[in-house]
Each structure stands twice: as C-alpha cells, then as structure tokens.
Amino acid sequence: MMAKRSRIQHFKSISWVSSRTFLNLGRLAQNSELKGNGQQYVVKKTFHQPKSVVYNVISNVDKYHEFIPYCEASFINSRDTKGEPTEAGLTVGFKSFDETFLCTLECQKDKQVIAKSITHSLFHNLLTEWNVTEASSSKTNVELILSYEFKSDLYNQVSALFASKVTSIMIKAFEKRAYTEHKQFCK
C-alpha cells in the first residue's frame, strides 16, 4: 500500500489530501485492469442470518433499488440455466448526477457473487466481490471486496475521502435487508 499526496485547489486555498493506492490481491489481481490509481476496500462482517438468505439478498440485484441508498434503479438482463443472474445493472444517483452501470455476474450459489462492470464511461475498472461462508446454522460471515478506478484522477482523489464510508453504508444496507428478509421468511 503506497500513500501519495495530492494537491487540490479549493477556492484560493490549497489543501493536501492523502489518498492510497491499494494493491490487488488474489482473484481481484487476475480480473483487474487498474492503471495505478485504483482503490480497494475490504469489509468483513458476520450477519445473523443463514447463508442462503444472505446470498439471495446479494444475488437479487434487481431488488437493490429497494434498499441501497442512492440506487435509483436495478435490473437483471440475463440468467443462466440454473436461474442465477449473469448480467445486471444499476442506476446510481446523487443530486443532479446519475450513472447507469452494466455488469457481468459470476454467481456460485450460496458462496460468491462477482460483478464486473462492462460499462466504462466513468471507470477504468469496477469490480465487486461478495464471499459468504457459514459461521453457524444461523450466522454468515460476509466479505465485501470493492475494487475500482475512475478515469478521472480528480474523482480518484475525491473518492478516496468517501469510499470507506460508502462501503460501510453499503454493507449495513445489505445486513438490514438480510434481517428483514429472514424475519419475513420466519413468520
């Protein structure tokens, strides 16, 4: 992990902002196309729901707009013969900005979901990997790996300030949804 300092001019003052370049590891290294300013965030959390419930929340991309902040639309374009999604997308918006991303999906039932963006208008690379493992019959260990690189150096610098918080908000949204889904299932 290498830290670098970036100078950003803000109105007539100069501020120094630290950002970090993260190295890709394991499977992400095989799939990555990072050009040097990419970032990677890893969050691990234990959900208090069974693995199948957690996996279904993650793989049902078409439901994301119902519970993820700033997700305005979500859809699945295609599924494999087992019914697992293979191509999906999101429209994410904030104030007057919005962007639609289309991703290929690799799903291993009750184990893993990998989404790789095939829309490259804003990013050089965007890769999300979810790994779910059983902690007990009623608990699931969840690992979220978010790896991305904007085409704009400015966006890379600014995102370094917020990405950790956004990743945390995202995992909490999934945890809350898994709780709600499990509660409805148990009624």
N, C-alpha and C. Protein backbone atom coordinates (compact mmCIF):
# COMPACT_ATOMS: atom_id res chain seq x y z
N MET A 1 0.85 -1.15 0.00
CA MET A 1 0.00 0.00 0.00
C MET A 1 0.90 1.22 0.00
N MET A 2 0.67 2.09 -0.92
CA MET A 2 1.53 3.23 -1.09
C MET A 2 0.71 4.51 -0.92
N ALA A 3 1.12 5.40 -0.02
CA ALA A 3 0.39 6.65 0.16
C ALA A 3 1.00 7.70 -0.75
N LYS A 4 0.15 8.58 -1.25
CA LYS A 4 0.67 9.69 -2.04
C LYS A 4 -0.10 10.93 -1.67
N ARG A 5 0.50 12.06 -1.89
CA ARG A 5 -0.15 13.32 -1.56
C ARG A 5 -0.58 13.99 -2.84
N SER A 6 -1.75 14.53 -2.82
CA SER A 6 -2.31 15.18 -3.99
C SER A 6 -2.70 16.60 -3.62
N ARG A 7 -2.39 17.54 -4.49
CA ARG A 7 -2.73 18.93 -4.24
C ARG A 7 -4.04 19.24 -4.94
N ILE A 8 -5.00 19.72 -4.18
CA ILE A 8 -6.29 20.10 -4.76
C ILE A 8 -6.51 21.57 -4.43
N GLN A 9 -6.76 22.37 -5.45
CA GLN A 9 -7.01 23.79 -5.22
C GLN A 9 -8.49 23.97 -4.93
N HIS A 10 -8.81 24.60 -3.82
CA HIS A 10 -10.19 24.81 -3.42
C HIS A 10 -10.36 26.29 -3.12
N PHE A 11 -11.05 26.99 -3.98
CA PHE A 11 -11.25 28.43 -3.92
C PHE A 11 -9.88 29.08 -3.80
N LYS A 12 -9.30 29.76 -3.25
CA LYS A 12 -7.97 30.33 -3.32
C LYS A 12 -7.04 29.72 -2.29
N SER A 13 -7.41 28.60 -1.73
CA SER A 13 -6.52 27.97 -0.77
C SER A 13 -6.10 26.60 -1.30
N ILE A 14 -5.00 26.12 -0.80
CA ILE A 14 -4.50 24.82 -1.23
C ILE A 14 -4.56 23.88 -0.03
N SER A 15 -5.13 22.72 -0.27
CA SER A 15 -5.22 21.70 0.78
C SER A 15 -4.51 20.46 0.30
N TRP A 16 -3.90 19.73 1.24
CA TRP A 16 -3.28 18.45 0.91
C TRP A 16 -4.23 17.34 1.34
N VAL A 17 -4.45 16.44 0.43
CA VAL A 17 -5.35 15.32 0.68
C VAL A 17 -4.56 14.03 0.51
N SER A 18 -4.60 13.18 1.51
CA SER A 18 -3.94 11.88 1.38
C SER A 18 -4.87 10.90 0.71
N SER A 19 -4.34 10.17 -0.24
CA SER A 19 -5.10 9.07 -0.84
C SER A 19 -4.18 7.88 -0.89
N ARG A 20 -4.75 6.70 -1.04
CA ARG A 20 -3.95 5.49 -1.04
C ARG A 20 -4.20 4.68 -2.30
N THR A 21 -3.15 4.10 -2.78
CA THR A 21 -3.26 3.16 -3.88
C THR A 21 -3.18 1.77 -3.27
N PHE A 22 -4.19 0.97 -3.50
CA PHE A 22 -4.23 -0.37 -2.94
C PHE A 22 -3.83 -1.38 -3.99
N LEU A 23 -3.08 -2.38 -3.58
CA LEU A 23 -2.68 -3.45 -4.48
C LEU A 23 -3.77 -4.49 -4.54
N ASN A 24 -4.01 -5.01 -5.71
CA ASN A 24 -4.99 -6.08 -5.86
C ASN A 24 -4.38 -7.38 -5.39
N LEU A 25 -5.20 -8.20 -4.75
CA LEU A 25 -4.74 -9.47 -4.24
C LEU A 25 -5.61 -10.59 -4.78
N GLY A 26 -5.05 -11.78 -4.85
CA GLY A 26 -5.82 -12.96 -5.21
C GLY A 26 -6.59 -12.85 -6.51
N ARG A 27 -7.85 -13.24 -6.47
CA ARG A 27 -8.70 -13.26 -7.66
C ARG A 27 -8.84 -11.87 -8.28
N LEU A 28 -8.88 -10.84 -7.44
CA LEU A 28 -9.01 -9.49 -7.98
C LEU A 28 -7.82 -9.13 -8.86
N ALA A 29 -6.65 -9.62 -8.51
CA ALA A 29 -5.48 -9.34 -9.33
C ALA A 29 -5.63 -9.96 -10.72
N GLN A 30 -6.26 -11.12 -10.80
CA GLN A 30 -6.46 -11.78 -12.08
C GLN A 30 -7.45 -11.00 -12.96
N ASN A 31 -8.45 -10.39 -12.33
CA ASN A 31 -9.51 -9.72 -13.07
C ASN A 31 -9.29 -8.22 -13.24
N SER A 32 -8.29 -7.68 -12.60
CA SER A 32 -8.15 -6.24 -12.54
C SER A 32 -7.50 -5.65 -13.78
N GLU A 33 -7.92 -4.42 -14.05
CA GLU A 33 -7.30 -3.64 -15.12
C GLU A 33 -6.90 -2.28 -14.56
N LEU A 34 -6.53 -2.22 -13.28
CA LEU A 34 -6.19 -0.96 -12.66
C LEU A 34 -4.97 -0.35 -13.32
N LYS A 35 -5.03 0.97 -13.51
CA LYS A 35 -3.97 1.69 -14.20
C LYS A 35 -2.96 2.31 -13.23
N GLY A 36 -3.18 2.21 -11.94
CA GLY A 36 -2.23 2.77 -10.99
C GLY A 36 -2.86 3.61 -9.90
N ASN A 37 -4.06 4.14 -10.10
CA ASN A 37 -4.73 4.94 -9.09
C ASN A 37 -5.93 4.22 -8.52
N GLY A 38 -6.01 2.92 -8.74
CA GLY A 38 -7.15 2.15 -8.27
C GLY A 38 -7.16 2.02 -6.76
N GLN A 39 -8.34 1.76 -6.25
CA GLN A 39 -8.51 1.60 -4.82
C GLN A 39 -9.25 0.30 -4.55
N GLN A 40 -8.99 -0.24 -3.38
CA GLN A 40 -9.66 -1.46 -2.98
C GLN A 40 -10.03 -1.34 -1.51
N TYR A 41 -11.26 -1.72 -1.22
CA TYR A 41 -11.76 -1.70 0.15
C TYR A 41 -12.32 -3.07 0.47
N VAL A 42 -12.00 -3.57 1.65
CA VAL A 42 -12.47 -4.87 2.09
C VAL A 42 -13.21 -4.68 3.42
N VAL A 43 -14.42 -5.21 3.48
CA VAL A 43 -15.21 -5.16 4.71
C VAL A 43 -15.63 -6.59 5.04
N LYS A 44 -15.42 -6.98 6.29
CA LYS A 44 -15.85 -8.30 6.76
C LYS A 44 -16.83 -8.10 7.91
N LYS A 45 -17.89 -8.88 7.86
CA LYS A 45 -18.94 -8.73 8.87
C LYS A 45 -19.66 -10.06 9.03
N THR A 46 -20.13 -10.33 10.22
CA THR A 46 -20.96 -11.51 10.46
C THR A 46 -22.42 -11.07 10.51
N PHE A 47 -23.22 -11.64 9.62
CA PHE A 47 -24.65 -11.38 9.58
C PHE A 47 -25.33 -12.46 10.44
N HIS A 48 -26.41 -12.10 11.09
CA HIS A 48 -27.13 -13.04 11.95
C HIS A 48 -28.30 -13.69 11.21
N GLN A 49 -28.02 -14.14 10.01
CA GLN A 49 -28.99 -14.84 9.18
C GLN A 49 -28.27 -16.00 8.49
N PRO A 50 -29.03 -17.02 8.08
CA PRO A 50 -28.42 -18.15 7.37
C PRO A 50 -27.80 -17.73 6.04
N LYS A 51 -26.84 -18.50 5.61
CA LYS A 51 -26.09 -18.22 4.37
C LYS A 51 -27.01 -18.08 3.16
N SER A 52 -28.02 -18.91 3.03
CA SER A 52 -28.91 -18.86 1.86
C SER A 52 -29.66 -17.54 1.78
N VAL A 53 -30.08 -17.00 2.92
CA VAL A 53 -30.79 -15.71 2.95
C VAL A 53 -29.84 -14.59 2.51
N VAL A 54 -28.64 -14.59 3.06
CA VAL A 54 -27.66 -13.55 2.74
C VAL A 54 -27.29 -13.62 1.26
N TYR A 55 -27.03 -14.81 0.76
CA TYR A 55 -26.69 -14.97 -0.66
C TYR A 55 -27.82 -14.46 -1.56
N ASN A 56 -29.06 -14.79 -1.22
CA ASN A 56 -30.19 -14.33 -2.04
C ASN A 56 -30.31 -12.82 -2.08
N VAL A 57 -30.07 -12.16 -0.95
CA VAL A 57 -30.10 -10.69 -0.93
C VAL A 57 -29.03 -10.13 -1.86
N ILE A 58 -27.83 -10.71 -1.83
CA ILE A 58 -26.72 -10.22 -2.66
C ILE A 58 -26.97 -10.51 -4.14
N SER A 59 -27.43 -11.69 -4.47
CA SER A 59 -27.58 -12.07 -5.88
C SER A 59 -28.83 -11.51 -6.55
N ASN A 60 -29.81 -11.06 -5.78
CA ASN A 60 -31.02 -10.47 -6.35
C ASN A 60 -30.80 -8.99 -6.66
N VAL A 61 -29.94 -8.74 -7.62
CA VAL A 61 -29.54 -7.39 -8.00
C VAL A 61 -30.75 -6.53 -8.36
N ASP A 62 -31.76 -7.13 -8.97
CA ASP A 62 -32.94 -6.36 -9.39
C ASP A 62 -33.72 -5.76 -8.22
N LYS A 63 -33.40 -6.13 -6.99
CA LYS A 63 -34.07 -5.58 -5.80
C LYS A 63 -33.24 -4.49 -5.12
N TYR A 64 -32.02 -4.23 -5.58
CA TYR A 64 -31.13 -3.28 -4.91
C TYR A 64 -31.76 -1.90 -4.73
N HIS A 65 -32.53 -1.44 -5.70
CA HIS A 65 -33.12 -0.10 -5.61
C HIS A 65 -34.07 0.02 -4.41
N GLU A 66 -34.50 -1.10 -3.86
CA GLU A 66 -35.42 -1.09 -2.72
C GLU A 66 -34.72 -0.80 -1.39
N PHE A 67 -33.39 -0.98 -1.33
CA PHE A 67 -32.74 -0.85 -0.03
C PHE A 67 -31.36 -0.20 -0.04
N ILE A 68 -30.75 0.01 -1.18
CA ILE A 68 -29.41 0.62 -1.21
C ILE A 68 -29.55 2.13 -1.42
N PRO A 69 -28.95 2.93 -0.52
CA PRO A 69 -29.01 4.38 -0.69
C PRO A 69 -28.44 4.81 -2.05
N TYR A 70 -29.09 5.75 -2.67
CA TYR A 70 -28.69 6.36 -3.95
C TYR A 70 -28.86 5.43 -5.15
N CYS A 71 -29.37 4.23 -4.95
CA CYS A 71 -29.64 3.33 -6.08
C CYS A 71 -31.06 3.63 -6.56
N GLU A 72 -31.16 4.23 -7.73
CA GLU A 72 -32.46 4.65 -8.26
C GLU A 72 -33.16 3.56 -9.06
N ALA A 73 -32.40 2.66 -9.65
CA ALA A 73 -32.97 1.56 -10.44
C ALA A 73 -32.01 0.39 -10.41
N SER A 74 -32.56 -0.82 -10.52
CA SER A 74 -31.74 -2.03 -10.58
C SER A 74 -32.48 -3.06 -11.42
N PHE A 75 -31.72 -3.86 -12.16
CA PHE A 75 -32.34 -4.80 -13.09
C PHE A 75 -31.40 -5.96 -13.39
N ILE A 76 -32.00 -7.07 -13.82
CA ILE A 76 -31.24 -8.23 -14.29
C ILE A 76 -31.60 -8.43 -15.75
N ASN A 77 -30.60 -8.48 -16.63
CA ASN A 77 -30.82 -8.66 -18.07
C ASN A 77 -30.85 -10.12 -18.48
N SER A 78 -30.03 -10.95 -17.82
CA SER A 78 -29.97 -12.36 -18.23
C SER A 78 -29.60 -13.25 -17.06
N ARG A 79 -30.01 -14.53 -17.19
CA ARG A 79 -29.74 -15.55 -16.18
C ARG A 79 -29.21 -16.80 -16.86
N ASP A 80 -28.48 -17.62 -16.10
CA ASP A 80 -28.00 -18.88 -16.64
C ASP A 80 -29.10 -19.95 -16.51
N THR A 81 -28.79 -21.16 -16.90
CA THR A 81 -29.78 -22.24 -16.89
C THR A 81 -30.23 -22.62 -15.48
N LYS A 82 -29.43 -22.26 -14.46
CA LYS A 82 -29.80 -22.54 -13.07
C LYS A 82 -30.61 -21.41 -12.46
N GLY A 83 -30.80 -20.33 -13.23
CA GLY A 83 -31.56 -19.18 -12.73
C GLY A 83 -30.73 -18.11 -12.07
N GLU A 84 -29.41 -18.31 -12.04
CA GLU A 84 -28.52 -17.31 -11.44
C GLU A 84 -28.32 -16.15 -12.42
N PRO A 85 -28.28 -14.91 -11.93
CA PRO A 85 -28.07 -13.78 -12.84
C PRO A 85 -26.66 -13.79 -13.45
N THR A 86 -26.57 -13.43 -14.74
CA THR A 86 -25.27 -13.36 -15.42
C THR A 86 -24.97 -11.96 -15.94
N GLU A 87 -26.00 -11.12 -16.03
CA GLU A 87 -25.80 -9.73 -16.43
C GLU A 87 -26.86 -8.88 -15.74
N ALA A 88 -26.41 -7.80 -15.11
CA ALA A 88 -27.32 -6.94 -14.36
C ALA A 88 -26.81 -5.51 -14.38
N GLY A 89 -27.63 -4.60 -13.88
CA GLY A 89 -27.21 -3.21 -13.87
C GLY A 89 -27.89 -2.40 -12.79
N LEU A 90 -27.30 -1.24 -12.54
CA LEU A 90 -27.79 -0.29 -11.55
C LEU A 90 -27.75 1.11 -12.12
N THR A 91 -28.68 1.94 -11.68
CA THR A 91 -28.57 3.37 -11.90
C THR A 91 -28.39 3.99 -10.53
N VAL A 92 -27.27 4.66 -10.34
CA VAL A 92 -26.93 5.29 -9.08
C VAL A 92 -26.98 6.79 -9.28
N GLY A 93 -27.62 7.50 -8.36
CA GLY A 93 -27.75 8.94 -8.50
C GLY A 93 -27.51 9.67 -7.20
N PHE A 94 -27.01 10.89 -7.34
CA PHE A 94 -26.82 11.77 -6.20
C PHE A 94 -27.03 13.19 -6.69
N LYS A 95 -28.02 13.87 -6.11
CA LYS A 95 -28.41 15.22 -6.53
C LYS A 95 -28.70 15.22 -8.02
N SER A 96 -27.99 15.99 -8.82
CA SER A 96 -28.31 16.06 -10.26
C SER A 96 -27.45 15.11 -11.09
N PHE A 97 -26.68 14.25 -10.45
CA PHE A 97 -25.82 13.32 -11.17
C PHE A 97 -26.38 11.91 -11.07
N ASP A 98 -26.34 11.19 -12.18
CA ASP A 98 -26.66 9.77 -12.13
C ASP A 98 -25.86 9.04 -13.19
N GLU A 99 -25.66 7.76 -12.94
CA GLU A 99 -24.86 6.93 -13.83
C GLU A 99 -25.45 5.53 -13.82
N THR A 100 -25.55 4.92 -15.00
CA THR A 100 -26.02 3.55 -15.10
C THR A 100 -24.84 2.64 -15.42
N PHE A 101 -24.73 1.55 -14.66
CA PHE A 101 -23.65 0.58 -14.83
C PHE A 101 -24.24 -0.76 -15.22
N LEU A 102 -23.63 -1.40 -16.17
CA LEU A 102 -24.00 -2.75 -16.57
C LEU A 102 -22.84 -3.66 -16.18
N CYS A 103 -23.14 -4.79 -15.55
CA CYS A 103 -22.10 -5.70 -15.06
C CYS A 103 -22.36 -7.13 -15.50
N THR A 104 -21.27 -7.85 -15.71
CA THR A 104 -21.39 -9.30 -15.83
C THR A 104 -21.31 -9.86 -14.42
N LEU A 105 -22.02 -10.94 -14.18
CA LEU A 105 -22.04 -11.55 -12.86
C LEU A 105 -21.59 -12.99 -12.93
N GLU A 106 -20.79 -13.38 -11.96
CA GLU A 106 -20.42 -14.78 -11.76
C GLU A 106 -20.96 -15.16 -10.39
N CYS A 107 -21.92 -16.07 -10.37
CA CYS A 107 -22.55 -16.47 -9.11
C CYS A 107 -22.29 -17.94 -8.82
N GLN A 108 -21.80 -18.21 -7.63
CA GLN A 108 -21.69 -19.58 -7.13
C GLN A 108 -22.68 -19.68 -5.98
N LYS A 109 -23.75 -20.40 -6.21
CA LYS A 109 -24.88 -20.49 -5.28
C LYS A 109 -24.42 -20.62 -3.83
N ASP A 110 -24.92 -19.71 -2.99
CA ASP A 110 -24.66 -19.69 -1.55
C ASP A 110 -23.19 -19.52 -1.18
N LYS A 111 -22.34 -19.06 -2.13
CA LYS A 111 -20.91 -18.89 -1.83
C LYS A 111 -20.36 -17.52 -2.24
N GLN A 112 -20.63 -17.13 -3.49
CA GLN A 112 -19.91 -15.96 -4.02
C GLN A 112 -20.69 -15.29 -5.15
N VAL A 113 -20.58 -13.96 -5.19
CA VAL A 113 -21.10 -13.18 -6.31
C VAL A 113 -20.01 -12.19 -6.70
N ILE A 114 -19.60 -12.24 -7.98
CA ILE A 114 -18.61 -11.30 -8.50
C ILE A 114 -19.28 -10.51 -9.61
N ALA A 115 -19.22 -9.19 -9.48
CA ALA A 115 -19.79 -8.30 -10.50
C ALA A 115 -18.67 -7.45 -11.08
N LYS A 116 -18.53 -7.49 -12.40
CA LYS A 116 -17.51 -6.71 -13.09
C LYS A 116 -18.20 -5.81 -14.10
N SER A 117 -17.95 -4.51 -13.98
CA SER A 117 -18.60 -3.54 -14.86
C SER A 117 -18.14 -3.72 -16.30
N ILE A 118 -19.11 -3.69 -17.22
CA ILE A 118 -18.79 -3.69 -18.65
C ILE A 118 -19.14 -2.35 -19.27
N THR A 119 -19.54 -1.40 -18.40
CA THR A 119 -19.79 -0.03 -18.82
C THR A 119 -18.60 0.79 -18.35
N HIS A 120 -17.88 1.36 -19.29
CA HIS A 120 -16.63 2.04 -18.92
C HIS A 120 -16.65 3.54 -19.22
N SER A 121 -17.80 4.18 -19.07
CA SER A 121 -17.86 5.61 -19.32
C SER A 121 -17.22 6.41 -18.19
N LEU A 122 -17.30 5.92 -16.97
CA LEU A 122 -16.78 6.64 -15.81
C LEU A 122 -15.56 5.96 -15.19
N PHE A 123 -15.49 4.64 -15.31
CA PHE A 123 -14.45 3.85 -14.66
C PHE A 123 -13.52 3.19 -15.67
N HIS A 124 -12.25 3.03 -15.28
CA HIS A 124 -11.37 2.10 -15.99
C HIS A 124 -11.77 0.69 -15.57
N ASN A 125 -12.11 0.56 -14.28
CA ASN A 125 -12.42 -0.75 -13.71
C ASN A 125 -13.35 -0.58 -12.52
N LEU A 126 -14.32 -1.48 -12.41
CA LEU A 126 -15.19 -1.54 -11.25
C LEU A 126 -15.50 -3.01 -11.01
N LEU A 127 -15.08 -3.51 -9.86
CA LEU A 127 -15.25 -4.92 -9.54
C LEU A 127 -15.73 -5.04 -8.10
N THR A 128 -16.79 -5.81 -7.91
CA THR A 128 -17.32 -6.07 -6.58
C THR A 128 -17.34 -7.57 -6.37
N GLU A 129 -16.77 -8.01 -5.26
CA GLU A 129 -16.77 -9.44 -4.95
C GLU A 129 -17.36 -9.64 -3.56
N TRP A 130 -18.39 -10.48 -3.50
CA TRP A 130 -19.02 -10.87 -2.24
C TRP A 130 -18.69 -12.33 -1.98
N ASN A 131 -18.20 -12.63 -0.79
CA ASN A 131 -17.95 -14.01 -0.38
C ASN A 131 -18.77 -14.28 0.88
N VAL A 132 -19.54 -15.37 0.87
CA VAL A 132 -20.35 -15.73 2.02
C VAL A 132 -19.98 -17.14 2.48
N THR A 133 -19.71 -17.26 3.78
CA THR A 133 -19.38 -18.57 4.36
C THR A 133 -20.18 -18.74 5.64
N GLU A 134 -20.56 -19.96 5.89
CA GLU A 134 -21.36 -20.26 7.07
C GLU A 134 -20.52 -20.13 8.34
N ALA A 135 -21.01 -19.32 9.28
CA ALA A 135 -20.36 -19.22 10.59
C ALA A 135 -21.01 -20.22 11.54
N SER A 136 -22.32 -20.38 11.40
CA SER A 136 -23.11 -21.38 12.13
C SER A 136 -24.41 -21.53 11.35
N SER A 137 -25.33 -22.33 11.84
CA SER A 137 -26.57 -22.53 11.08
C SER A 137 -27.39 -21.25 10.96
N SER A 138 -27.17 -20.30 11.87
CA SER A 138 -27.95 -19.06 11.83
C SER A 138 -27.10 -17.81 11.61
N LYS A 139 -25.82 -17.98 11.33
CA LYS A 139 -24.93 -16.83 11.11
C LYS A 139 -24.08 -17.05 9.86
N THR A 140 -23.75 -15.94 9.20
CA THR A 140 -22.98 -15.99 7.96
C THR A 140 -21.86 -14.96 8.00
N ASN A 141 -20.65 -15.39 7.67
CA ASN A 141 -19.54 -14.46 7.50
C ASN A 141 -19.61 -13.89 6.09
N VAL A 142 -19.58 -12.57 6.01
CA VAL A 142 -19.67 -11.88 4.72
C VAL A 142 -18.40 -11.07 4.51
N GLU A 143 -17.85 -11.18 3.31
CA GLU A 143 -16.69 -10.37 2.92
C GLU A 143 -17.06 -9.63 1.65
N LEU A 144 -16.94 -8.32 1.69
CA LEU A 144 -17.18 -7.48 0.52
C LEU A 144 -15.85 -6.87 0.10
N ILE A 145 -15.48 -7.09 -1.16
CA ILE A 145 -14.26 -6.50 -1.72
C ILE A 145 -14.69 -5.59 -2.85
N LEU A 146 -14.41 -4.31 -2.72
CA LEU A 146 -14.75 -3.33 -3.74
C LEU A 146 -13.46 -2.80 -4.32
N SER A 147 -13.29 -2.96 -5.62
CA SER A 147 -12.07 -2.54 -6.32
C SER A 147 -12.48 -1.68 -7.51
N TYR A 148 -11.92 -0.50 -7.60
CA TYR A 148 -12.31 0.38 -8.70
C TYR A 148 -11.23 1.41 -9.02
N GLU A 149 -11.37 1.97 -10.21
CA GLU A 149 -10.52 3.08 -10.62
C GLU A 149 -11.31 3.96 -11.58
N PHE A 150 -11.51 5.20 -11.19
CA PHE A 150 -12.17 6.16 -12.07
C PHE A 150 -11.24 6.54 -13.22
N LYS A 151 -11.80 6.99 -14.31
CA LYS A 151 -10.99 7.51 -15.41
C LYS A 151 -10.39 8.87 -15.06
N SER A 152 -11.05 9.60 -14.19
CA SER A 152 -10.60 10.92 -13.77
C SER A 152 -9.74 10.83 -12.52
N ASP A 153 -8.54 11.42 -12.57
CA ASP A 153 -7.68 11.46 -11.39
C ASP A 153 -8.34 12.23 -10.25
N LEU A 154 -9.06 13.29 -10.59
CA LEU A 154 -9.75 14.07 -9.56
C LEU A 154 -10.78 13.21 -8.84
N TYR A 155 -11.57 12.45 -9.59
CA TYR A 155 -12.56 11.55 -8.98
C TYR A 155 -11.88 10.51 -8.10
N ASN A 156 -10.73 9.99 -8.53
CA ASN A 156 -9.99 9.03 -7.71
C ASN A 156 -9.57 9.66 -6.39
N GLN A 157 -9.10 10.90 -6.44
CA GLN A 157 -8.65 11.58 -5.23
C GLN A 157 -9.82 11.87 -4.29
N VAL A 158 -10.91 12.36 -4.85
CA VAL A 158 -12.08 12.69 -4.04
C VAL A 158 -12.70 11.42 -3.46
N SER A 159 -12.78 10.38 -4.27
CA SER A 159 -13.41 9.13 -3.79
C SER A 159 -12.63 8.51 -2.64
N ALA A 160 -11.32 8.75 -2.60
CA ALA A 160 -10.51 8.21 -1.51
C ALA A 160 -10.98 8.74 -0.15
N LEU A 161 -11.59 9.93 -0.17
CA LEU A 161 -12.09 10.52 1.07
C LEU A 161 -13.37 9.85 1.56
N PHE A 162 -14.17 9.31 0.64
CA PHE A 162 -15.50 8.83 0.98
C PHE A 162 -15.71 7.33 0.81
N ALA A 163 -14.87 6.66 0.08
CA ALA A 163 -15.12 5.26 -0.30
C ALA A 163 -15.26 4.34 0.90
N SER A 164 -14.45 4.52 1.91
CA SER A 164 -14.54 3.67 3.09
C SER A 164 -15.91 3.81 3.75
N LYS A 165 -16.39 5.03 3.86
CA LYS A 165 -17.70 5.29 4.45
C LYS A 165 -18.81 4.71 3.58
N VAL A 166 -18.71 4.88 2.27
CA VAL A 166 -19.72 4.35 1.35
C VAL A 166 -19.76 2.83 1.44
N THR A 167 -18.60 2.19 1.50
CA THR A 167 -18.54 0.74 1.62
C THR A 167 -19.21 0.28 2.91
N SER A 168 -18.99 1.00 3.98
CA SER A 168 -19.61 0.67 5.26
C SER A 168 -21.13 0.84 5.20
N ILE A 169 -21.59 1.91 4.58
CA ILE A 169 -23.04 2.14 4.41
C ILE A 169 -23.65 1.02 3.59
N MET A 170 -22.94 0.60 2.56
CA MET A 170 -23.43 -0.46 1.68
C MET A 170 -23.60 -1.77 2.44
N ILE A 171 -22.59 -2.16 3.21
CA ILE A 171 -22.68 -3.44 3.92
C ILE A 171 -23.80 -3.39 4.96
N LYS A 172 -24.00 -2.23 5.58
CA LYS A 172 -25.09 -2.09 6.55
C LYS A 172 -26.45 -2.21 5.87
N ALA A 173 -26.58 -1.68 4.66
CA ALA A 173 -27.84 -1.80 3.92
C ALA A 173 -28.14 -3.26 3.59
N PHE A 174 -27.12 -4.01 3.20
CA PHE A 174 -27.31 -5.43 2.92
C PHE A 174 -27.64 -6.21 4.20
N GLU A 175 -26.99 -5.85 5.29
CA GLU A 175 -27.27 -6.53 6.56
C GLU A 175 -28.71 -6.28 7.00
N LYS A 176 -29.15 -5.05 6.88
CA LYS A 176 -30.53 -4.72 7.25
C LYS A 176 -31.53 -5.46 6.36
N ARG A 177 -31.23 -5.53 5.06
CA ARG A 177 -32.12 -6.24 4.13
C ARG A 177 -32.17 -7.74 4.46
N ALA A 178 -31.03 -8.32 4.79
CA ALA A 178 -31.00 -9.75 5.15
C ALA A 178 -31.83 -9.99 6.41
N TYR A 179 -31.74 -9.08 7.36
CA TYR A 179 -32.54 -9.18 8.58
C TYR A 179 -34.03 -9.15 8.24
N THR A 180 -34.43 -8.20 7.41
CA THR A 180 -35.84 -8.06 7.01
C THR A 180 -36.33 -9.28 6.26
N GLU A 181 -35.53 -9.76 5.31
CA GLU A 181 -35.91 -10.94 4.52
C GLU A 181 -36.05 -12.17 5.41
N HIS A 182 -35.12 -12.35 6.33
CA HIS A 182 -35.16 -13.51 7.22
C HIS A 182 -36.37 -13.44 8.16
N LYS A 183 -36.64 -12.24 8.65
CA LYS A 183 -37.78 -12.04 9.56
C LYS A 183 -39.09 -12.38 8.84
N GLN A 184 -39.23 -11.95 7.59
CA GLN A 184 -40.44 -12.26 6.82
C GLN A 184 -40.54 -13.76 6.54
N PHE A 185 -39.42 -14.38 6.28
CA PHE A 185 -39.39 -15.82 6.00
C PHE A 185 -39.82 -16.63 7.22
N CYS A 186 -39.45 -16.16 8.41
CA CYS A 186 -39.74 -16.90 9.64
C CYS A 186 -41.17 -16.72 10.15
N LYS A 187 -41.92 -15.80 9.57
CA LYS A 187 -43.31 -15.57 10.02
C LYS A 187 -44.21 -16.72 9.67
